[in-house]
Amino acid sequence: MHQPVLLQETIDFLLTNPDGIYVDCTLGGGGHLSHLLKFTGKKAQIIAIDRDKEILEASRKKLNLPNITFIHEDFRYLSRILNRLDIDKVSGILLDLGVSSMQLDTASRGFSYHEDAGLDMRMDTEQELNAAEIVNLYSEEEIARIIFEYGEERYARNIARSIVKSRQQKEINSTLELVDIIKSSVPARYSREKHPARRTFQALRIAVNRELEAVQEVLPQAVNHLLIGGRLCVITFHSLEDRIVKKFMQERARGCICPPDFPVCVCGHKASLKLLSRKPILPNESECHQNPRARSAKLRVAERM
């Protein structure tokens, strides 16, 4: 079931002008957008983007309003999308990163380590690369790197070694096949802490969809397209994404970057963002109780200067 996280907090920060132009870069089930519409006027324009065609079409049917433009595209091409629509500046941009609840809950998409399905994990089913290709064709070294870097998995080398050994007998084509391989590669006590496949599945999903690269590419585009006083709201669900967003916002919020011993500024660098919260906004206990997936969510907000 789709439950948008940090819903009211996000809209409170995002909405600066009821008749403005807003971009939801990760439409998903449309939870945040549905709530935003309650506070916007008739002149407001909404650009709703999602790389998952199935989810986009489902949300289009649910939110079929004349002031919403639905775009099937990767948000990393934000500037191209807005240029195509002849839009330069907008009042607010939302990024709700990671895999959506609808994708996780659809077993056939291969995102879940609890359900048996093909090893897919593509957010855009029209792209070529999927998880099965990585698992069956990439070198042991590359698989270990992906699992370690994107999953922060301490047993990455063991898991990669077991994957390569198993695929020599037969192709690994299903999620539960991979789960069994992962379980055999880590100590039994590790399985008692959290699901042993959690980090590996996260890593494969990030690699398949090039998620971190997309975040790095879209953030400067988002700032360039914000009106003065416009807001950028980013919701993350794991430390890798959050580090990228935090570093970017902090760097753009800095003024002079000259060495501290310089008597006067010679760099001419000016801040382009103002942080509206020094620390990320976190869901309260009530929300975490109602929606366990919200526990890892962090909202960071900055305003264009």
Protein backbone atom coordinates (compact mmCIF):
# COMPACT_ATOMS: atom_id res chain seq x y z
CA MET A 1 0.00 0.00 0.00
CA HIS A 2 1.35 3.42 -0.94
CA GLN A 3 1.90 5.69 2.05
CA PRO A 4 3.80 8.93 1.37
CA VAL A 5 6.28 9.74 4.13
CA LEU A 6 6.70 13.08 5.88
CA LEU A 7 3.62 14.21 3.98
CA GLN A 8 2.51 17.37 5.77
CA GLU A 9 6.06 18.45 6.57
CA THR A 10 7.03 18.22 2.90
CA ILE A 11 4.05 20.21 1.62
CA ASP A 12 4.48 22.86 4.33
CA PHE A 13 8.01 23.53 3.09
CA LEU A 14 7.38 23.03 -0.64
CA LEU A 15 4.38 25.33 -1.08
CA THR A 16 5.38 28.99 -1.38
CA ASN A 17 2.83 30.18 -3.95
CA PRO A 18 -0.62 28.56 -4.35
CA ASP A 19 -0.61 29.54 -8.05
CA GLY A 20 2.99 28.56 -8.78
CA ILE A 21 4.57 25.85 -10.92
CA TYR A 22 5.67 22.73 -9.04
CA VAL A 23 7.64 19.71 -10.17
CA ASP A 24 7.21 16.28 -8.59
CA CYS A 25 10.25 14.47 -9.97
CA THR A 26 9.23 11.11 -8.47
CA LEU A 27 5.46 10.87 -8.82
CA GLY A 28 5.07 7.25 -7.72
CA GLY A 29 1.60 6.67 -6.33
CA GLY A 30 0.94 10.39 -6.27
CA GLY A 31 0.63 10.68 -2.50
CA HIS A 32 2.58 13.93 -2.09
CA LEU A 33 1.06 15.42 -5.23
CA SER A 34 -2.50 14.61 -4.13
CA HIS A 35 -1.88 16.46 -0.88
CA LEU A 36 -0.20 19.40 -2.62
CA LEU A 37 -3.28 19.84 -4.82
CA LYS A 38 -5.40 20.53 -1.73
CA PHE A 39 -3.45 23.75 -1.17
CA THR A 40 -2.87 25.02 -4.72
CA GLY A 41 -5.09 27.36 -6.72
CA LYS A 42 -6.66 26.90 -10.15
CA LYS A 43 -3.74 28.68 -11.85
CA ALA A 44 -1.14 26.31 -10.42
CA GLN A 45 0.75 24.06 -12.83
CA ILE A 46 2.13 20.66 -11.84
CA ILE A 47 4.77 18.68 -13.71
CA ALA A 48 4.61 15.02 -12.63
CA ILE A 49 7.61 12.90 -13.64
CA ASP A 50 8.26 9.19 -13.21
CA ARG A 51 10.55 6.77 -15.03
CA ASP A 52 8.20 3.86 -14.27
CA LYS A 53 5.61 3.87 -17.05
CA GLU A 54 3.19 1.51 -15.26
CA ILE A 55 3.11 3.60 -12.11
CA LEU A 56 2.88 6.84 -14.08
CA GLU A 57 -0.17 5.59 -15.98
CA ALA A 58 -1.85 4.36 -12.78
CA SER A 59 -1.35 7.77 -11.16
CA ARG A 60 -2.51 9.56 -14.32
CA LYS A 61 -5.85 7.75 -14.11
CA LYS A 62 -6.20 8.66 -10.44
CA LEU A 63 -5.08 12.31 -10.79
CA ASN A 64 -6.34 13.19 -14.26
CA LEU A 65 -6.58 16.98 -13.91
CA PRO A 66 -5.98 19.60 -16.64
CA ASN A 67 -3.28 21.44 -14.68
CA ILE A 68 -1.07 18.32 -14.32
CA THR A 69 1.39 17.37 -17.07
CA PHE A 70 2.54 13.74 -16.80
CA ILE A 71 6.02 12.93 -18.11
CA HIS A 72 7.49 9.44 -18.55
CA GLU A 73 11.18 10.22 -18.12
CA ASP A 74 14.15 9.88 -15.78
CA PHE A 75 14.38 12.94 -13.53
CA ARG A 76 18.08 13.23 -14.35
CA TYR A 77 16.87 15.00 -17.52
CA LEU A 78 14.97 17.68 -15.60
CA SER A 79 16.31 20.62 -17.65
CA ARG A 80 15.47 18.87 -20.91
CA ILE A 81 11.94 18.18 -19.67
CA LEU A 82 11.31 21.77 -18.58
CA ASN A 83 12.86 23.23 -21.74
CA ARG A 84 10.58 21.03 -23.81
CA LEU A 85 7.59 22.44 -21.90
CA ASP A 86 8.92 25.98 -22.34
CA ILE A 87 9.26 26.39 -18.57
CA ASP A 88 12.27 28.17 -17.10
CA LYS A 89 11.63 28.81 -13.41
CA VAL A 90 9.38 27.02 -10.92
CA SER A 91 8.23 27.59 -7.34
CA GLY A 92 9.15 24.21 -5.94
CA ILE A 93 10.74 20.86 -6.77
CA LEU A 94 10.22 17.59 -4.88
CA LEU A 95 12.46 14.51 -5.00
CA ASP A 96 11.23 11.46 -3.08
CA LEU A 97 14.14 9.13 -3.75
CA GLY A 98 14.53 5.36 -3.82
CA VAL A 99 12.16 2.58 -4.72
CA SER A 100 8.43 3.27 -4.31
CA SER A 101 6.06 1.22 -2.16
CA MET A 102 4.15 0.26 -5.29
CA GLN A 103 7.31 -1.21 -6.84
CA LEU A 104 8.22 -3.08 -3.65
CA ASP A 105 4.71 -4.46 -3.29
CA THR A 106 4.59 -5.77 -6.87
CA ALA A 107 6.48 -9.05 -6.48
CA SER A 108 6.98 -9.55 -10.23
CA ARG A 109 9.22 -6.47 -10.38
CA GLY A 110 11.92 -8.33 -8.46
CA PHE A 111 12.65 -5.64 -5.85
CA SER A 112 11.59 -7.72 -2.85
CA TYR A 113 13.70 -10.37 -1.13
CA HIS A 114 10.56 -11.81 0.48
CA GLU A 115 8.80 -12.88 -2.74
CA ASP A 116 10.00 -15.14 -5.55
CA ALA A 117 10.25 -13.39 -8.93
CA GLY A 118 12.60 -12.81 -11.81
CA LEU A 119 15.77 -10.85 -11.01
CA ASP A 120 14.67 -7.60 -12.59
CA MET A 121 14.74 -4.48 -10.35
CA ARG A 122 14.31 -2.00 -13.24
CA MET A 123 12.36 1.13 -12.39
CA ASP A 124 12.03 1.76 -16.11
CA THR A 125 11.08 -1.57 -17.67
CA GLU A 126 12.08 -0.26 -21.10
CA GLN A 127 15.78 -0.08 -20.20
CA GLU A 128 18.04 -3.03 -21.00
CA LEU A 129 20.16 -3.62 -17.89
CA ASN A 130 18.53 -5.64 -15.11
CA ALA A 131 19.74 -7.35 -11.95
CA ALA A 132 20.04 -10.78 -13.59
CA GLU A 133 22.57 -9.40 -16.05
CA ILE A 134 24.75 -8.01 -13.25
CA VAL A 135 24.55 -11.21 -11.20
CA ASN A 136 25.26 -13.57 -14.12
CA LEU A 137 27.66 -11.61 -16.31
CA TYR A 138 29.66 -9.15 -14.19
CA SER A 139 33.04 -10.16 -12.79
CA GLU A 140 33.41 -11.21 -9.17
CA GLU A 141 35.39 -8.04 -8.45
CA GLU A 142 32.72 -5.79 -9.94
CA ILE A 143 29.89 -7.54 -8.11
CA ALA A 144 31.80 -7.22 -4.83
CA ARG A 145 32.40 -3.52 -5.51
CA ILE A 146 28.71 -2.87 -6.22
CA ILE A 147 27.57 -4.72 -3.09
CA PHE A 148 30.16 -3.02 -0.89
CA GLU A 149 29.81 0.52 -2.24
CA TYR A 150 26.06 0.67 -2.82
CA GLY A 151 24.94 -1.70 -0.06
CA GLU A 152 27.66 -0.96 2.49
CA GLU A 153 27.70 -4.73 2.98
CA ARG A 154 30.60 -6.04 5.10
CA TYR A 155 30.38 -9.52 3.56
CA ALA A 156 30.43 -8.25 -0.03
CA ARG A 157 33.42 -10.36 -1.08
CA ASN A 158 31.93 -13.55 0.36
CA ILE A 159 28.61 -12.91 -1.37
CA ALA A 160 30.24 -12.10 -4.72
CA ARG A 161 32.37 -15.24 -4.51
CA SER A 162 29.31 -17.39 -3.80
CA ILE A 163 27.36 -15.78 -6.65
CA VAL A 164 30.11 -16.56 -9.16
CA LYS A 165 30.48 -20.13 -7.85
CA SER A 166 26.71 -20.73 -8.08
CA ARG A 167 26.31 -19.29 -11.58
CA GLN A 168 28.97 -21.70 -12.85
CA GLN A 169 26.48 -24.49 -12.14
CA LYS A 170 23.41 -22.67 -13.50
CA GLU A 171 22.16 -19.14 -14.18
CA ILE A 172 20.73 -17.28 -11.21
CA ASN A 173 17.37 -16.03 -12.39
CA SER A 174 15.10 -15.60 -9.37
CA THR A 175 15.11 -13.43 -6.27
CA LEU A 176 14.83 -16.32 -3.82
CA GLU A 177 17.68 -18.18 -5.54
CA LEU A 178 19.83 -15.14 -4.86
CA VAL A 179 18.55 -14.86 -1.28
CA ASP A 180 19.61 -18.46 -0.60
CA ILE A 181 23.08 -17.75 -2.00
CA ILE A 182 23.42 -14.66 0.18
CA LYS A 183 22.27 -16.55 3.28
CA SER A 184 24.91 -19.21 2.67
CA SER A 185 27.60 -16.51 2.43
CA VAL A 186 27.13 -14.79 5.79
CA PRO A 187 27.31 -15.96 9.42
CA ALA A 188 24.08 -17.28 10.95
CA ARG A 189 24.08 -14.53 13.58
CA TYR A 190 24.03 -11.93 10.77
CA SER A 191 20.67 -13.30 9.62
CA ARG A 192 19.22 -12.75 13.07
CA GLU A 193 20.01 -8.99 13.05
CA LYS A 194 18.23 -7.99 9.83
CA HIS A 195 17.39 -9.78 6.62
CA PRO A 196 20.77 -10.84 5.18
CA ALA A 197 19.76 -9.96 1.60
CA ARG A 198 18.65 -6.41 2.41
CA ARG A 199 21.92 -4.64 1.61
CA THR A 200 22.73 -6.72 -1.49
CA PHE A 201 19.29 -6.13 -2.99
CA GLN A 202 19.63 -2.39 -2.30
CA ALA A 203 23.03 -2.37 -4.00
CA LEU A 204 21.81 -4.21 -7.10
CA ARG A 205 18.78 -1.92 -7.40
CA ILE A 206 20.96 1.19 -7.17
CA ALA A 207 23.37 -0.19 -9.77
CA VAL A 208 20.62 -1.26 -12.18
CA ASN A 209 18.90 2.14 -12.06
CA ARG A 210 22.04 4.29 -11.67
CA GLU A 211 20.25 6.00 -8.80
CA LEU A 212 23.16 7.84 -7.21
CA GLU A 213 24.35 9.27 -10.53
CA ALA A 214 20.82 10.49 -11.21
CA VAL A 215 20.70 12.33 -7.87
CA GLN A 216 24.07 13.97 -8.50
CA GLU A 217 22.94 15.08 -11.96
CA VAL A 218 19.51 16.46 -11.03
CA LEU A 219 20.40 18.58 -7.99
CA PRO A 220 22.26 21.40 -9.81
CA GLN A 221 19.56 21.42 -12.51
CA ALA A 222 16.89 21.77 -9.83
CA VAL A 223 18.62 24.81 -8.29
CA ASN A 224 19.00 26.46 -11.69
CA HIS A 225 15.26 26.14 -12.33
CA LEU A 226 14.05 27.50 -9.00
CA LEU A 227 12.67 31.00 -8.66
CA ILE A 228 14.21 33.18 -5.97
CA GLY A 229 12.46 31.98 -2.82
CA GLY A 230 11.56 28.65 -4.46
CA ARG A 231 12.10 25.49 -2.46
CA LEU A 232 13.90 22.21 -3.12
CA CYS A 233 12.63 19.32 -0.95
CA VAL A 234 14.48 16.00 -1.02
CA ILE A 235 13.43 12.85 0.85
CA THR A 236 16.08 10.14 1.17
CA PHE A 237 15.94 6.62 2.58
CA HIS A 238 19.56 5.56 2.96
CA SER A 239 22.88 7.13 3.88
CA LEU A 240 24.38 7.13 0.37
CA GLU A 241 21.63 9.33 -1.05
CA ASP A 242 21.50 11.51 2.03
CA ARG A 243 25.25 12.18 1.95
CA ILE A 244 25.01 13.40 -1.64
CA VAL A 245 22.07 15.70 -0.87
CA LYS A 246 23.58 17.01 2.38
CA LYS A 247 26.96 17.79 0.79
CA PHE A 248 25.35 19.49 -2.22
CA MET A 249 23.06 21.69 -0.15
CA GLN A 250 25.82 22.66 2.26
CA GLU A 251 28.19 23.59 -0.57
CA ARG A 252 25.54 25.68 -2.32
CA ALA A 253 24.67 27.39 0.96
CA ARG A 254 28.26 28.57 1.51
CA GLY A 255 29.37 32.08 0.62
CA CYS A 256 33.08 32.85 0.46
CA ILE A 257 35.28 29.76 -0.02
CA CYS A 258 38.63 31.54 0.33
CA PRO A 259 41.16 30.10 2.81
CA PRO A 260 40.45 31.43 6.32
CA ASP A 261 43.76 33.32 6.47
CA PHE A 262 42.85 35.53 3.47
CA PRO A 263 42.24 39.12 4.70
CA VAL A 264 39.59 39.79 2.02
CA CYS A 265 37.47 37.63 -0.25
CA VAL A 266 38.93 37.07 -3.71
CA CYS A 267 36.84 34.06 -4.80
CA GLY A 268 33.61 35.95 -5.41
CA HIS A 269 31.63 32.83 -4.55
CA LYS A 270 28.06 33.52 -3.46
CA ALA A 271 25.57 31.20 -1.84
CA SER A 272 22.74 30.07 -4.11
CA LEU A 273 20.78 28.20 -1.44
CA LYS A 274 19.65 28.85 2.12
CA LEU A 275 19.22 25.80 4.33
CA LEU A 276 15.80 25.86 5.99
CA SER A 277 16.82 23.19 8.48
CA ARG A 278 20.38 22.49 9.58
CA LYS A 279 19.43 18.92 10.44
CA PRO A 280 17.15 16.67 8.39
CA ILE A 281 13.47 16.52 9.27
CA LEU A 282 12.58 13.04 10.53
CA PRO A 283 9.22 11.26 10.81
CA ASN A 284 7.70 11.18 14.29
CA GLU A 285 7.09 7.99 16.23
CA SER A 286 3.41 7.92 15.26
CA GLU A 287 4.24 7.89 11.54
CA CYS A 288 6.95 5.26 12.01
CA HIS A 289 4.49 3.07 13.88
CA GLN A 290 1.86 3.39 11.13
CA ASN A 291 4.38 3.02 8.31
CA PRO A 292 7.58 1.11 9.24
CA ARG A 293 9.17 2.09 5.90
CA ALA A 294 9.23 5.69 7.11
CA ARG A 295 11.82 4.94 9.80
CA SER A 296 14.80 5.59 7.54
CA ALA A 297 13.33 8.67 5.82
CA LYS A 298 15.02 12.09 6.01
CA LEU A 299 13.75 15.33 4.52
CA ARG A 300 16.21 18.10 3.61
CA VAL A 301 14.97 21.47 2.41
CA ALA A 302 16.72 24.48 0.86
CA GLU A 303 15.49 27.78 -0.57
CA ARG A 304 16.85 29.48 -3.68
CA MET A 305 18.60 32.76 -2.94
